[in-house]
Amino acid sequence: MIDDDQKQRLAQLEAKIDAAKKAQEPEPPKETHFTMANMAWRMVTELVAGLVIGLGIGYGLDAVFGTMPLFLVLFLLLGLVAGINVMLRSAKEIQAKQIEAEAAKAEADAQEAENAPRK
């Protein structure tokens, strides 16, 4: 039969083994500046796409109706607003992912601190 002293020593040994395994595990790759640069390019592309689409629609309508600057300016501004709206939505998505990752990291740190052997 195993008495309480042996159970306690066994639990301490398991905790040391788990700590050694975690120390030897490679760290997951962290987001680098390249990832943030990709997100920035995505936002710029979304803004430019909105502008180009608005410009194209406005120019086309002006060519059809013969009112050259009216629809061009109107749809250019609408394209700008649409591009900014999409950029803001992308920024919120990125922020939500970062908050989720930070929360998971904090939870893992709390779990690790809870399981750490006490002296």
PDB file of N, CA and C in Angstrom:
ATOM      1  N   MET A   1       0.835  -1.175   0.000  1.00  0.00           N
ATOM      2  CA  MET A   1       0.000   0.000   0.000  1.00  0.00           C
ATOM      3  C   MET A   1       0.885   1.246   0.000  1.00  0.00           C
ATOM      4  N   ILE A   2       0.350   2.285  -0.589  1.00  0.00           N
ATOM      5  CA  ILE A   2       1.086   3.538  -0.672  1.00  0.00           C
ATOM      6  C   ILE A   2       0.574   4.466   0.422  1.00  0.00           C
ATOM      7  N   ASP A   3       1.468   4.944   1.239  1.00  0.00           N
ATOM      8  CA  ASP A   3       1.043   5.865   2.289  1.00  0.00           C
ATOM      9  C   ASP A   3       1.078   7.305   1.775  1.00  0.00           C
ATOM     10  N   ASP A   4       0.636   8.236   2.617  1.00  0.00           N
ATOM     11  CA  ASP A   4       0.526   9.640   2.205  1.00  0.00           C
ATOM     12  C   ASP A   4       1.872  10.247   1.825  1.00  0.00           C
ATOM     13  N   ASP A   5       2.931   9.880   2.502  1.00  0.00           N
ATOM     14  CA  ASP A   5       4.264  10.426   2.210  1.00  0.00           C
ATOM     15  C   ASP A   5       4.698  10.031   0.798  1.00  0.00           C
ATOM     16  N   GLN A   6       4.465   8.793   0.440  1.00  0.00           N
ATOM     17  CA  GLN A   6       4.847   8.344  -0.901  1.00  0.00           C
ATOM     18  C   GLN A   6       3.976   9.004  -1.970  1.00  0.00           C
ATOM     19  N   LYS A   7       2.692   9.218  -1.680  1.00  0.00           N
ATOM     20  CA  LYS A   7       1.805   9.892  -2.634  1.00  0.00           C
ATOM     21  C   LYS A   7       2.271  11.325  -2.878  1.00  0.00           C
ATOM     22  N   GLN A   8       2.685  11.974  -1.794  1.00  0.00           N
ATOM     23  CA  GLN A   8       3.162  13.348  -1.911  1.00  0.00           C
ATOM     24  C   GLN A   8       4.454  13.403  -2.719  1.00  0.00           C
ATOM     25  N   ARG A   9       5.371  12.496  -2.458  1.00  0.00           N
ATOM     26  CA  ARG A   9       6.628  12.455  -3.218  1.00  0.00           C
ATOM     27  C   ARG A   9       6.373  12.142  -4.680  1.00  0.00           C
ATOM     28  N   LEU A  10       5.407  11.252  -4.939  1.00  0.00           N
ATOM     29  CA  LEU A  10       5.065  10.911  -6.316  1.00  0.00           C
ATOM     30  C   LEU A  10       4.470  12.126  -7.045  1.00  0.00           C
ATOM     31  N   ALA A  11       3.626  12.885  -6.364  1.00  0.00           N
ATOM     32  CA  ALA A  11       3.045  14.086  -6.961  1.00  0.00           C
ATOM     33  C   ALA A  11       4.124  15.122  -7.256  1.00  0.00           C
ATOM     34  N   GLN A  12       5.091  15.277  -6.350  1.00  0.00           N
ATOM     35  CA  GLN A  12       6.187  16.211  -6.581  1.00  0.00           C
ATOM     36  C   GLN A  12       7.035  15.772  -7.770  1.00  0.00           C
ATOM     37  N   LEU A  13       7.276  14.468  -7.867  1.00  0.00           N
ATOM     38  CA  LEU A  13       8.055  13.942  -8.986  1.00  0.00           C
ATOM     39  C   LEU A  13       7.328  14.189 -10.311  1.00  0.00           C
ATOM     40  N   GLU A  14       6.011  13.966 -10.337  1.00  0.00           N
ATOM     41  CA  GLU A  14       5.233  14.219 -11.550  1.00  0.00           C
ATOM     42  C   GLU A  14       5.283  15.704 -11.938  1.00  0.00           C
ATOM     43  N   ALA A  15       5.215  16.575 -10.954  1.00  0.00           N
ATOM     44  CA  ALA A  15       5.290  18.010 -11.233  1.00  0.00           C
ATOM     45  C   ALA A  15       6.652  18.379 -11.811  1.00  0.00           C
ATOM     46  N   LYS A  16       7.726  17.779 -11.269  1.00  0.00           N
ATOM     47  CA  LYS A  16       9.068  18.052 -11.809  1.00  0.00           C
ATOM     48  C   LYS A  16       9.201  17.533 -13.235  1.00  0.00           C
ATOM     49  N   ILE A  17       8.637  16.375 -13.498  1.00  0.00           N
ATOM     50  CA  ILE A  17       8.694  15.812 -14.856  1.00  0.00           C
ATOM     51  C   ILE A  17       7.933  16.703 -15.827  1.00  0.00           C
ATOM     52  N   ASP A  18       6.739  17.155 -15.430  1.00  0.00           N
ATOM     53  CA  ASP A  18       5.965  18.050 -16.289  1.00  0.00           C
ATOM     54  C   ASP A  18       6.709  19.357 -16.566  1.00  0.00           C
ATOM     55  N   ALA A  19       7.360  19.901 -15.526  1.00  0.00           N
ATOM     56  CA  ALA A  19       8.126  21.142 -15.704  1.00  0.00           C
ATOM     57  C   ALA A  19       9.297  20.924 -16.659  1.00  0.00           C
ATOM     58  N   ALA A  20       9.959  19.772 -16.545  1.00  0.00           N
ATOM     59  CA  ALA A  20      11.083  19.472 -17.437  1.00  0.00           C
ATOM     60  C   ALA A  20      10.605  19.304 -18.874  1.00  0.00           C
ATOM     61  N   LYS A  21       9.445  18.671 -19.064  1.00  0.00           N
ATOM     62  CA  LYS A  21       8.901  18.493 -20.413  1.00  0.00           C
ATOM     63  C   LYS A  21       8.546  19.850 -21.032  1.00  0.00           C
ATOM     64  N   LYS A  22       7.938  20.723 -20.221  1.00  0.00           N
ATOM     65  CA  LYS A  22       7.570  22.045 -20.742  1.00  0.00           C
ATOM     66  C   LYS A  22       8.808  22.861 -21.084  1.00  0.00           C
ATOM     67  N   ALA A  23       9.867  22.697 -20.317  1.00  0.00           N
ATOM     68  CA  ALA A  23      11.099  23.454 -20.584  1.00  0.00           C
ATOM     69  C   ALA A  23      11.743  23.005 -21.891  1.00  0.00           C
ATOM     70  N   GLN A  24      11.534  21.746 -22.261  1.00  0.00           N
ATOM     71  CA  GLN A  24      12.166  21.226 -23.472  1.00  0.00           C
ATOM     72  C   GLN A  24      11.304  21.395 -24.713  1.00  0.00           C
ATOM     73  N   GLU A  25      10.028  21.733 -24.535  1.00  0.00           N
ATOM     74  CA  GLU A  25       9.159  21.941 -25.691  1.00  0.00           C
ATOM     75  C   GLU A  25       9.559  23.220 -26.406  1.00  0.00           C
ATOM     76  N   PRO A  26       9.588  23.196 -27.730  1.00  0.00           N
ATOM     77  CA  PRO A  26       9.887  24.446 -28.447  1.00  0.00           C
ATOM     78  C   PRO A  26       8.712  25.406 -28.303  1.00  0.00           C
ATOM     79  N   GLU A  27       9.041  26.682 -28.211  1.00  0.00           N
ATOM     80  CA  GLU A  27       7.992  27.690 -28.088  1.00  0.00           C
ATOM     81  C   GLU A  27       7.266  27.826 -29.423  1.00  0.00           C
ATOM     82  N   PRO A  28       5.954  28.039 -29.362  1.00  0.00           N
ATOM     83  CA  PRO A  28       5.229  28.229 -30.617  1.00  0.00           C
ATOM     84  C   PRO A  28       5.704  29.506 -31.294  1.00  0.00           C
ATOM     85  N   PRO A  29       5.683  29.533 -32.607  1.00  0.00           N
ATOM     86  CA  PRO A  29       6.161  30.734 -33.301  1.00  0.00           C
ATOM     87  C   PRO A  29       5.294  31.935 -32.948  1.00  0.00           C
ATOM     88  N   LYS A  30       5.956  33.026 -32.671  1.00  0.00           N
ATOM     89  CA  LYS A  30       5.246  34.252 -32.316  1.00  0.00           C
ATOM     90  C   LYS A  30       5.001  35.066 -33.575  1.00  0.00           C
ATOM     91  N   GLU A  31       3.982  35.907 -33.486  1.00  0.00           N
ATOM     92  CA  GLU A  31       3.719  36.782 -34.622  1.00  0.00           C
ATOM     93  C   GLU A  31       4.875  37.754 -34.767  1.00  0.00           C
ATOM     94  N   THR A  32       5.336  37.885 -35.968  1.00  0.00           N
ATOM     95  CA  THR A  32       6.461  38.767 -36.217  1.00  0.00           C
ATOM     96  C   THR A  32       5.979  40.044 -36.880  1.00  0.00           C
ATOM     97  N   HIS A  33       6.922  40.917 -37.112  1.00  0.00           N
ATOM     98  CA  HIS A  33       6.564  42.168 -37.772  1.00  0.00           C
ATOM     99  C   HIS A  33       6.078  41.914 -39.195  1.00  0.00           C
ATOM    100  N   PHE A  34       6.449  40.767 -39.781  1.00  0.00           N
ATOM    101  CA  PHE A  34       5.989  40.453 -41.126  1.00  0.00           C
ATOM    102  C   PHE A  34       4.478  40.231 -41.128  1.00  0.00           C
ATOM    103  N   THR A  35       3.971  39.608 -40.083  1.00  0.00           N
ATOM    104  CA  THR A  35       2.540  39.383 -39.991  1.00  0.00           C
ATOM    105  C   THR A  35       1.809  40.715 -39.874  1.00  0.00           C
ATOM    106  N   MET A  36       2.341  41.613 -39.073  1.00  0.00           N
ATOM    107  CA  MET A  36       1.714  42.920 -38.945  1.00  0.00           C
ATOM    108  C   MET A  36       1.810  43.701 -40.259  1.00  0.00           C
ATOM    109  N   ALA A  37       2.901  43.534 -40.969  1.00  0.00           N
ATOM    110  CA  ALA A  37       3.032  44.191 -42.275  1.00  0.00           C
ATOM    111  C   ALA A  37       1.988  43.640 -43.251  1.00  0.00           C
ATOM    112  N   ASN A  38       1.742  42.339 -43.187  1.00  0.00           N
ATOM    113  CA  ASN A  38       0.706  41.748 -44.043  1.00  0.00           C
ATOM    114  C   ASN A  38      -0.663  42.332 -43.720  1.00  0.00           C
ATOM    115  N   MET A  39      -0.945  42.514 -42.442  1.00  0.00           N
ATOM    116  CA  MET A  39      -2.221  43.107 -42.050  1.00  0.00           C
ATOM    117  C   MET A  39      -2.318  44.558 -42.544  1.00  0.00           C
ATOM    118  N   ALA A  40      -1.221  45.285 -42.468  1.00  0.00           N
ATOM    119  CA  ALA A  40      -1.220  46.670 -42.946  1.00  0.00           C
ATOM    120  C   ALA A  40      -1.463  46.713 -44.459  1.00  0.00           C
ATOM    121  N   TRP A  41      -0.820  45.819 -45.197  1.00  0.00           N
ATOM    122  CA  TRP A  41      -1.032  45.780 -46.648  1.00  0.00           C
ATOM    123  C   TRP A  41      -2.468  45.403 -46.974  1.00  0.00           C
ATOM    124  N   ARG A  42      -3.033  44.517 -46.181  1.00  0.00           N
ATOM    125  CA  ARG A  42      -4.432  44.130 -46.390  1.00  0.00           C
ATOM    126  C   ARG A  42      -5.341  45.351 -46.236  1.00  0.00           C
ATOM    127  N   MET A  43      -5.087  46.151 -45.212  1.00  0.00           N
ATOM    128  CA  MET A  43      -5.913  47.340 -44.989  1.00  0.00           C
ATOM    129  C   MET A  43      -5.751  48.367 -46.106  1.00  0.00           C
ATOM    130  N   VAL A  44      -4.526  48.565 -46.541  1.00  0.00           N
ATOM    131  CA  VAL A  44      -4.272  49.510 -47.633  1.00  0.00           C
ATOM    132  C   VAL A  44      -4.967  49.033 -48.906  1.00  0.00           C
ATOM    133  N   THR A  45      -4.879  47.743 -49.169  1.00  0.00           N
ATOM    134  CA  THR A  45      -5.513  47.184 -50.359  1.00  0.00           C
ATOM    135  C   THR A  45      -7.024  47.363 -50.301  1.00  0.00           C
ATOM    136  N   GLU A  46      -7.617  47.167 -49.132  1.00  0.00           N
ATOM    137  CA  GLU A  46      -9.065  47.339 -48.992  1.00  0.00           C
ATOM    138  C   GLU A  46      -9.468  48.795 -49.247  1.00  0.00           C
ATOM    139  N   LEU A  47      -8.680  49.716 -48.758  1.00  0.00           N
ATOM    140  CA  LEU A  47      -8.980  51.131 -48.971  1.00  0.00           C
ATOM    141  C   LEU A  47      -8.862  51.492 -50.455  1.00  0.00           C
ATOM    142  N   VAL A  48      -7.792  51.072 -51.085  1.00  0.00           N
ATOM    143  CA  VAL A  48      -7.583  51.380 -52.507  1.00  0.00           C
ATOM    144  C   VAL A  48      -8.647  50.708 -53.367  1.00  0.00           C
ATOM    145  N   ALA A  49      -9.041  49.487 -53.021  1.00  0.00           N
ATOM    146  CA  ALA A  49     -10.080  48.794 -53.787  1.00  0.00           C
ATOM    147  C   ALA A  49     -11.397  49.566 -53.713  1.00  0.00           C
ATOM    148  N   GLY A  50     -11.744  50.064 -52.537  1.00  0.00           N
ATOM    149  CA  GLY A  50     -12.964  50.865 -52.415  1.00  0.00           C
ATOM    150  C   GLY A  50     -12.904  52.118 -53.267  1.00  0.00           C
ATOM    151  N   LEU A  51     -11.753  52.773 -53.252  1.00  0.00           N
ATOM    152  CA  LEU A  51     -11.592  53.983 -54.068  1.00  0.00           C
ATOM    153  C   LEU A  51     -11.698  53.677 -55.564  1.00  0.00           C
ATOM    154  N   VAL A  52     -11.034  52.616 -56.006  1.00  0.00           N
ATOM    155  CA  VAL A  52     -11.030  52.271 -57.434  1.00  0.00           C
ATOM    156  C   VAL A  52     -12.428  51.863 -57.897  1.00  0.00           C
ATOM    157  N   ILE A  53     -13.119  51.079 -57.091  1.00  0.00           N
ATOM    158  CA  ILE A  53     -14.473  50.659 -57.467  1.00  0.00           C
ATOM    159  C   ILE A  53     -15.402  51.875 -57.540  1.00  0.00           C
ATOM    160  N   GLY A  54     -15.316  52.758 -56.552  1.00  0.00           N
ATOM    161  CA  GLY A  54     -16.131  53.971 -56.582  1.00  0.00           C
ATOM    162  C   GLY A  54     -15.800  54.848 -57.781  1.00  0.00           C
ATOM    163  N   LEU A  55     -14.518  54.970 -58.073  1.00  0.00           N
ATOM    164  CA  LEU A  55     -14.080  55.752 -59.227  1.00  0.00           C
ATOM    165  C   LEU A  55     -14.629  55.156 -60.523  1.00  0.00           C
ATOM    166  N   GLY A  56     -14.552  53.846 -60.650  1.00  0.00           N
ATOM    167  CA  GLY A  56     -15.045  53.180 -61.863  1.00  0.00           C
ATOM    168  C   GLY A  56     -16.548  53.336 -62.048  1.00  0.00           C
ATOM    169  N   ILE A  57     -17.299  53.132 -60.972  1.00  0.00           N
ATOM    170  CA  ILE A  57     -18.761  53.281 -61.060  1.00  0.00           C
ATOM    171  C   ILE A  57     -19.122  54.727 -61.388  1.00  0.00           C
ATOM    172  N   GLY A  58     -18.482  55.665 -60.698  1.00  0.00           N
ATOM    173  CA  GLY A  58     -18.779  57.082 -60.949  1.00  0.00           C
ATOM    174  C   GLY A  58     -18.445  57.503 -62.372  1.00  0.00           C
ATOM    175  N   TYR A  59     -17.297  57.077 -62.869  1.00  0.00           N
ATOM    176  CA  TYR A  59     -16.906  57.430 -64.233  1.00  0.00           C
ATOM    177  C   TYR A  59     -17.854  56.808 -65.248  1.00  0.00           C
ATOM    178  N   GLY A  60     -18.238  55.568 -64.989  1.00  0.00           N
ATOM    179  CA  GLY A  60     -19.175  54.901 -65.906  1.00  0.00           C
ATOM    180  C   GLY A  60     -20.521  55.595 -65.956  1.00  0.00           C
ATOM    181  N   LEU A  61     -21.051  55.964 -64.794  1.00  0.00           N
ATOM    182  CA  LEU A  61     -22.343  56.654 -64.777  1.00  0.00           C
ATOM    183  C   LEU A  61     -22.239  58.039 -65.419  1.00  0.00           C
ATOM    184  N   ASP A  62     -21.134  58.725 -65.186  1.00  0.00           N
ATOM    185  CA  ASP A  62     -20.955  60.039 -65.819  1.00  0.00           C
ATOM    186  C   ASP A  62     -20.847  59.904 -67.334  1.00  0.00           C
ATOM    187  N   ALA A  63     -20.203  58.854 -67.812  1.00  0.00           N
ATOM    188  CA  ALA A  63     -20.084  58.650 -69.259  1.00  0.00           C
ATOM    189  C   ALA A  63     -21.449  58.349 -69.871  1.00  0.00           C
ATOM    190  N   VAL A  64     -22.277  57.593 -69.149  1.00  0.00           N
ATOM    191  CA  VAL A  64     -23.603  57.249 -69.665  1.00  0.00           C
ATOM    192  C   VAL A  64     -24.531  58.467 -69.660  1.00  0.00           C
ATOM    193  N   PHE A  65     -24.544  59.217 -68.565  1.00  0.00           N
ATOM    194  CA  PHE A  65     -25.477  60.328 -68.424  1.00  0.00           C
ATOM    195  C   PHE A  65     -24.905  61.667 -68.877  1.00  0.00           C
ATOM    196  N   GLY A  66     -23.610  61.752 -69.134  1.00  0.00           N
ATOM    197  CA  GLY A  66     -23.002  62.988 -69.608  1.00  0.00           C
ATOM    198  C   GLY A  66     -22.854  64.054 -68.528  1.00  0.00           C
ATOM    199  N   THR A  67     -22.788  63.664 -67.294  1.00  0.00           N
ATOM    200  CA  THR A  67     -22.623  64.610 -66.177  1.00  0.00           C
ATOM    201  C   THR A  67     -21.258  64.371 -65.555  1.00  0.00           C
ATOM    202  N   MET A  68     -20.217  64.766 -66.255  1.00  0.00           N
ATOM    203  CA  MET A  68     -18.864  64.307 -65.939  1.00  0.00           C
ATOM    204  C   MET A  68     -18.439  64.387 -64.472  1.00  0.00           C
ATOM    205  N   PRO A  69     -18.397  65.472 -63.771  1.00  0.00           N
ATOM    206  CA  PRO A  69     -17.803  65.375 -62.432  1.00  0.00           C
ATOM    207  C   PRO A  69     -18.781  64.924 -61.340  1.00  0.00           C
ATOM    208  N   LEU A  70     -20.070  64.921 -61.585  1.00  0.00           N
ATOM    209  CA  LEU A  70     -21.053  64.688 -60.527  1.00  0.00           C
ATOM    210  C   LEU A  70     -20.938  63.284 -59.920  1.00  0.00           C
ATOM    211  N   PHE A  71     -21.204  62.258 -60.702  1.00  0.00           N
ATOM    212  CA  PHE A  71     -21.181  60.892 -60.174  1.00  0.00           C
ATOM    213  C   PHE A  71     -19.760  60.435 -59.843  1.00  0.00           C
ATOM    214  N   LEU A  72     -18.790  60.953 -60.563  1.00  0.00           N
ATOM    215  CA  LEU A  72     -17.395  60.609 -60.291  1.00  0.00           C
ATOM    216  C   LEU A  72     -17.020  60.998 -58.864  1.00  0.00           C
ATOM    217  N   VAL A  73     -17.314  62.222 -58.487  1.00  0.00           N
ATOM    218  CA  VAL A  73     -16.989  62.695 -57.134  1.00  0.00           C
ATOM    219  C   VAL A  73     -17.841  61.970 -56.095  1.00  0.00           C
ATOM    220  N   LEU A  74     -19.129  61.810 -56.387  1.00  0.00           N
ATOM    221  CA  LEU A  74     -20.035  61.165 -55.440  1.00  0.00           C
ATOM    222  C   LEU A  74     -19.604  59.724 -55.136  1.00  0.00           C
ATOM    223  N   PHE A  75     -19.354  58.956 -56.174  1.00  0.00           N
ATOM    224  CA  PHE A  75     -18.991  57.552 -55.950  1.00  0.00           C
ATOM    225  C   PHE A  75     -17.545  57.393 -55.476  1.00  0.00           C
ATOM    226  N   LEU A  76     -16.701  58.349 -55.790  1.00  0.00           N
ATOM    227  CA  LEU A  76     -15.352  58.326 -55.233  1.00  0.00           C
ATOM    228  C   LEU A  76     -15.416  58.484 -53.718  1.00  0.00           C
ATOM    229  N   LEU A  77     -16.251  59.401 -53.248  1.00  0.00           N
ATOM    230  CA  LEU A  77     -16.421  59.581 -51.802  1.00  0.00           C
ATOM    231  C   LEU A  77     -17.089  58.363 -51.156  1.00  0.00           C
ATOM    232  N   LEU A  78     -18.081  57.798 -51.837  1.00  0.00           N
ATOM    233  CA  LEU A  78     -18.718  56.583 -51.314  1.00  0.00           C
ATOM    234  C   LEU A  78     -17.729  55.414 -51.259  1.00  0.00           C
ATOM    235  N   GLY A  79     -16.870  55.317 -52.247  1.00  0.00           N
ATOM    236  CA  GLY A  79     -15.834  54.275 -52.240  1.00  0.00           C
ATOM    237  C   GLY A  79     -14.847  54.473 -51.099  1.00  0.00           C
ATOM    238  N   LEU A  80     -14.498  55.730 -50.832  1.00  0.00           N
ATOM    239  CA  LEU A  80     -13.604  56.031 -49.710  1.00  0.00           C
ATOM    240  C   LEU A  80     -14.248  55.621 -48.389  1.00  0.00           C
ATOM    241  N   VAL A  81     -15.511  55.965 -48.215  1.00  0.00           N
ATOM    242  CA  VAL A  81     -16.225  55.602 -46.986  1.00  0.00           C
ATOM    243  C   VAL A  81     -16.312  54.081 -46.853  1.00  0.00           C
ATOM    244  N   ALA A  82     -16.622  53.390 -47.947  1.00  0.00           N
ATOM    245  CA  ALA A  82     -16.703  51.927 -47.905  1.00  0.00           C
ATOM    246  C   ALA A  82     -15.343  51.311 -47.575  1.00  0.00           C
ATOM    247  N   GLY A  83     -14.278  51.849 -48.161  1.00  0.00           N
ATOM    248  CA  GLY A  83     -12.932  51.338 -47.882  1.00  0.00           C
ATOM    249  C   GLY A  83     -12.537  51.538 -46.431  1.00  0.00           C
ATOM    250  N   ILE A  84     -12.858  52.697 -45.877  1.00  0.00           N
ATOM    251  CA  ILE A  84     -12.547  52.960 -44.469  1.00  0.00           C
ATOM    252  C   ILE A  84     -13.361  52.040 -43.571  1.00  0.00           C
ATOM    253  N   ASN A  85     -14.616  51.804 -43.927  1.00  0.00           N
ATOM    254  CA  ASN A  85     -15.467  50.907 -43.145  1.00  0.00           C
ATOM    255  C   ASN A  85     -14.886  49.491 -43.113  1.00  0.00           C
ATOM    256  N   VAL A  86     -14.443  49.009 -44.248  1.00  0.00           N
ATOM    257  CA  VAL A  86     -13.849  47.670 -44.305  1.00  0.00           C
ATOM    258  C   VAL A  86     -12.534  47.632 -43.534  1.00  0.00           C
ATOM    259  N   MET A  87     -11.753  48.704 -43.619  1.00  0.00           N
ATOM    260  CA  MET A  87     -10.504  48.774 -42.850  1.00  0.00           C
ATOM    261  C   MET A  87     -10.777  48.705 -41.357  1.00  0.00           C
ATOM    262  N   LEU A  88     -11.767  49.431 -40.883  1.00  0.00           N
ATOM    263  CA  LEU A  88     -12.103  49.417 -39.458  1.00  0.00           C
ATOM    264  C   LEU A  88     -12.586  48.036 -39.022  1.00  0.00           C
ATOM    265  N   ARG A  89     -13.344  47.373 -39.865  1.00  0.00           N
ATOM    266  CA  ARG A  89     -13.803  46.018 -39.545  1.00  0.00           C
ATOM    267  C   ARG A  89     -12.625  45.058 -39.449  1.00  0.00           C
ATOM    268  N   SER A  90     -11.658  45.193 -40.350  1.00  0.00           N
ATOM    269  CA  SER A  90     -10.453  44.360 -40.298  1.00  0.00           C
ATOM    270  C   SER A  90      -9.648  44.642 -39.031  1.00  0.00           C
ATOM    271  N   ALA A  91      -9.551  45.907 -38.654  1.00  0.00           N
ATOM    272  CA  ALA A  91      -8.810  46.267 -37.444  1.00  0.00           C
ATOM    273  C   ALA A  91      -9.476  45.669 -36.206  1.00  0.00           C
ATOM    274  N   LYS A  92     -10.804  45.687 -36.154  1.00  0.00           N
ATOM    275  CA  LYS A  92     -11.517  45.079 -35.027  1.00  0.00           C
ATOM    276  C   LYS A  92     -11.281  43.568 -34.981  1.00  0.00           C
ATOM    277  N   GLU A  93     -11.256  42.939 -36.144  1.00  0.00           N
ATOM    278  CA  GLU A  93     -10.997  41.500 -36.218  1.00  0.00           C
ATOM    279  C   GLU A  93      -9.598  41.165 -35.693  1.00  0.00           C
ATOM    280  N   ILE A  94      -8.620  41.951 -36.102  1.00  0.00           N
ATOM    281  CA  ILE A  94      -7.243  41.743 -35.647  1.00  0.00           C
ATOM    282  C   ILE A  94      -7.142  41.963 -34.145  1.00  0.00           C
ATOM    283  N   GLN A  95      -7.786  43.014 -33.658  1.00  0.00           N
ATOM    284  CA  GLN A  95      -7.760  43.311 -32.222  1.00  0.00           C
ATOM    285  C   GLN A  95      -8.409  42.189 -31.424  1.00  0.00           C
ATOM    286  N   ALA A  96      -9.518  41.648 -31.918  1.00  0.00           N
ATOM    287  CA  ALA A  96     -10.189  40.556 -31.214  1.00  0.00           C
ATOM    288  C   ALA A  96      -9.290  39.321 -31.139  1.00  0.00           C
ATOM    289  N   LYS A  97      -8.569  39.031 -32.231  1.00  0.00           N
ATOM    290  CA  LYS A  97      -7.641  37.892 -32.220  1.00  0.00           C
ATOM    291  C   LYS A  97      -6.515  38.111 -31.218  1.00  0.00           C
ATOM    292  N   GLN A  98      -5.995  39.327 -31.147  1.00  0.00           N
ATOM    293  CA  GLN A  98      -4.914  39.617 -30.194  1.00  0.00           C
ATOM    294  C   GLN A  98      -5.401  39.510 -28.756  1.00  0.00           C
ATOM    295  N   ILE A  99      -6.584  40.003 -28.476  1.00  0.00           N
ATOM    296  CA  ILE A  99      -7.134  39.913 -27.123  1.00  0.00           C
ATOM    297  C   ILE A  99      -7.358  38.455 -26.743  1.00  0.00           C
ATOM    298  N   GLU A 100      -7.845  37.670 -27.689  1.00  0.00           N
ATOM    299  CA  GLU A 100      -8.061  36.242 -27.435  1.00  0.00           C
ATOM    300  C   GLU A 100      -6.743  35.528 -27.158  1.00  0.00           C
ATOM    301  N   ALA A 101      -5.717  35.861 -27.917  1.00  0.00           N
ATOM    302  CA  ALA A 101      -4.411  35.234 -27.710  1.00  0.00           C
ATOM    303  C   ALA A 101      -3.816  35.630 -26.358  1.00  0.00           C
ATOM    304  N   GLU A 102      -3.963  36.900 -25.982  1.00  0.00           N
ATOM    305  CA  GLU A 102      -3.451  37.346 -24.683  1.00  0.00           C
ATOM    306  C   GLU A 102      -4.199  36.677 -23.530  1.00  0.00           C
ATOM    307  N   ALA A 103      -5.512  36.500 -23.691  1.00  0.00           N
ATOM    308  CA  ALA A 103      -6.302  35.847 -22.648  1.00  0.00           C
ATOM    309  C   ALA A 103      -5.893  34.387 -22.501  1.00  0.00           C
ATOM    310  N   ALA A 104      -5.662  33.711 -23.635  1.00  0.00           N
ATOM    311  CA  ALA A 104      -5.231  32.313 -23.582  1.00  0.00           C
ATOM    312  C   ALA A 104      -3.857  32.195 -22.932  1.00  0.00           C
ATOM    313  N   LYS A 105      -2.969  33.139 -23.228  1.00  0.00           N
ATOM    314  CA  LYS A 105      -1.635  33.121 -22.631  1.00  0.00           C
ATOM    315  C   LYS A 105      -1.718  33.364 -21.129  1.00  0.00           C
ATOM    316  N   ALA A 106      -2.564  34.306 -20.717  1.00  0.00           N
ATOM    317  CA  ALA A 106      -2.714  34.590 -19.288  1.00  0.00           C
ATOM    318  C   ALA A 106      -3.309  33.397 -18.560  1.00  0.00           C
ATOM    319  N   GLU A 107      -4.243  32.722 -19.202  1.00  0.00           N
ATOM    320  CA  GLU A 107      -4.850  31.531 -18.593  1.00  0.00           C
ATOM    321  C   GLU A 107      -3.825  30.411 -18.465  1.00  0.00           C
ATOM    322  N   ALA A 108      -3.000  30.243 -19.494  1.00  0.00           N
ATOM    323  CA  ALA A 108      -1.960  29.214 -19.442  1.00  0.00           C
ATOM    324  C   ALA A 108      -0.934  29.535 -18.359  1.00  0.00           C
ATOM    325  N   ASP A 109      -0.568  30.806 -18.220  1.00  0.00           N
ATOM    326  CA  ASP A 109       0.376  31.208 -17.171  1.00  0.00           C
ATOM    327  C   ASP A 109      -0.217  30.967 -15.780  1.00  0.00           C
ATOM    328  N   ALA A 110      -1.508  31.274 -15.630  1.00  0.00           N
ATOM    329  CA  ALA A 110      -2.162  31.055 -14.339  1.00  0.00           C
ATOM    330  C   ALA A 110      -2.224  29.567 -14.017  1.00  0.00           C
ATOM    331  N   GLN A 111      -2.504  28.769 -15.027  1.00  0.00           N
ATOM    332  CA  GLN A 111      -2.563  27.315 -14.846  1.00  0.00           C
ATOM    333  C   GLN A 111      -1.184  26.776 -14.482  1.00  0.00           C
ATOM    334  N   GLU A 112      -0.155  27.289 -15.126  1.00  0.00           N
ATOM    335  CA  GLU A 112       1.202  26.854 -14.846  1.00  0.00           C
ATOM    336  C   GLU A 112       1.624  27.246 -13.429  1.00  0.00           C
ATOM    337  N   ALA A 113       1.250  28.435 -13.008  1.00  0.00           N
ATOM    338  CA  ALA A 113       1.593  28.892 -11.659  1.00  0.00           C
ATOM    339  C   ALA A 113       0.858  28.074 -10.610  1.00  0.00           C
ATOM    340  N   GLU A 114      -0.359  27.654 -10.946  1.00  0.00           N
ATOM    341  CA  GLU A 114      -1.134  26.838 -10.021  1.00  0.00           C
ATOM    342  C   GLU A 114      -0.550  25.441  -9.869  1.00  0.00           C
ATOM    343  N   ASN A 115      -0.022  24.914 -10.957  1.00  0.00           N
ATOM    344  CA  ASN A 115       0.511  23.555 -10.936  1.00  0.00           C
ATOM    345  C   ASN A 115       1.976  23.493 -10.508  1.00  0.00           C
ATOM    346  N   ALA A 116       2.622  24.638 -10.369  1.00  0.00           N
ATOM    347  CA  ALA A 116       4.036  24.656 -10.000  1.00  0.00           C
ATOM    348  C   ALA A 116       4.199  24.122  -8.573  1.00  0.00           C
ATOM    349  N   PRO A 117       5.256  23.359  -8.356  1.00  0.00           N
ATOM    350  CA  PRO A 117       5.476  22.836  -7.001  1.00  0.00           C
ATOM    351  C   PRO A 117       5.824  23.962  -6.029  1.00  0.00           C
ATOM    352  N   ARG A 118       5.276  23.860  -4.856  1.00  0.00           N
ATOM    353  CA  ARG A 118       5.520  24.887  -3.831  1.00  0.00           C
ATOM    354  C   ARG A 118       6.559  24.393  -2.855  1.00  0.00           C
ATOM    355  N   LYS A 119       7.365  25.315  -2.440  1.00  0.00           N
ATOM    356  CA  LYS A 119       8.442  24.942  -1.510  1.00  0.00           C
ATOM    357  C   LYS A 119       8.056  25.262  -0.087  1.00  0.00           C
TER     358      LYS A 119
END
